Amino acid sequence: MGRYLPGSPIVGFYNTEAKDFEEHNREISLKDGKFSIIDTTRPYGFVSADAKVWF
């Protein structure tokens, strides 16, 4: 898997209450009697193309 990391996006969800990153996250919204799912995961960058993956 490590050889596929260079160039990959870095995404996540920052929980302001816990002051820490969590897994990918979604919210369920109810508006006017209709449910919708909102993706709250945000992009933060990417793994450099010349990154040396060591694990």
Protein backbone atom coordinates (compact mmCIF):
# COMPACT_ATOMS: atom_id res chain seq x y z
CA MET A 1 0.00 0.00 0.00
CA GLY A 2 2.87 2.36 0.77
CA ARG A 3 3.84 2.72 -2.88
CA TYR A 4 0.38 4.20 -3.60
CA LEU A 5 0.61 6.93 -0.92
CA PRO A 6 2.65 9.54 -2.85
CA GLY A 7 0.23 11.98 -4.46
CA SER A 8 -2.69 10.83 -2.29
CA PRO A 9 -4.94 13.46 -0.71
CA ILE A 10 -4.92 14.04 3.05
CA VAL A 11 -8.48 14.50 4.29
CA GLY A 12 -10.19 14.42 7.65
CA PHE A 13 -12.58 15.99 10.08
CA TYR A 14 -11.34 18.32 12.83
CA ASN A 15 -13.48 18.11 15.95
CA THR A 16 -13.32 21.58 17.55
CA GLU A 17 -14.71 20.29 20.87
CA ALA A 18 -12.11 17.53 21.22
CA LYS A 19 -9.44 19.67 19.49
CA ASP A 20 -8.35 16.66 17.48
CA PHE A 21 -8.79 15.05 14.09
CA GLU A 22 -11.25 12.19 13.66
CA GLU A 23 -12.09 9.78 10.88
CA HIS A 24 -14.03 10.87 7.83
CA ASN A 25 -17.31 12.28 9.05
CA ARG A 26 -20.86 13.06 7.93
CA GLU A 27 -23.78 14.92 9.46
CA ILE A 28 -27.45 14.10 9.08
CA SER A 29 -29.59 17.18 8.55
CA LEU A 30 -33.36 17.49 8.81
CA LYS A 31 -34.81 20.54 7.06
CA ASP A 32 -38.42 21.06 5.99
CA GLY A 33 -39.15 17.41 6.78
CA LYS A 34 -36.37 16.13 4.49
CA PHE A 35 -33.24 14.30 5.55
CA SER A 36 -29.91 14.99 3.88
CA ILE A 37 -26.40 13.73 4.52
CA ILE A 38 -23.65 16.34 4.55
CA ASP A 39 -20.01 15.28 4.17
CA THR A 40 -18.01 17.28 6.73
CA THR A 41 -14.66 15.76 5.73
CA ARG A 42 -12.29 18.45 4.44
CA PRO A 43 -9.10 18.32 2.35
CA TYR A 44 -5.92 19.48 4.09
CA GLY A 45 -3.24 18.66 1.53
CA PHE A 46 -1.60 15.72 -0.18
CA VAL A 47 1.32 13.34 0.28
CA SER A 48 4.30 14.67 -1.62
CA ALA A 49 5.15 12.78 -4.82
CA ASP A 50 8.70 12.22 -3.54
CA ALA A 51 7.70 11.10 -0.02
CA LYS A 52 9.77 8.26 1.43
CA VAL A 53 7.24 5.79 2.87
CA TRP A 54 8.90 3.70 5.59
CA PHE A 55 6.18 1.46 7.04
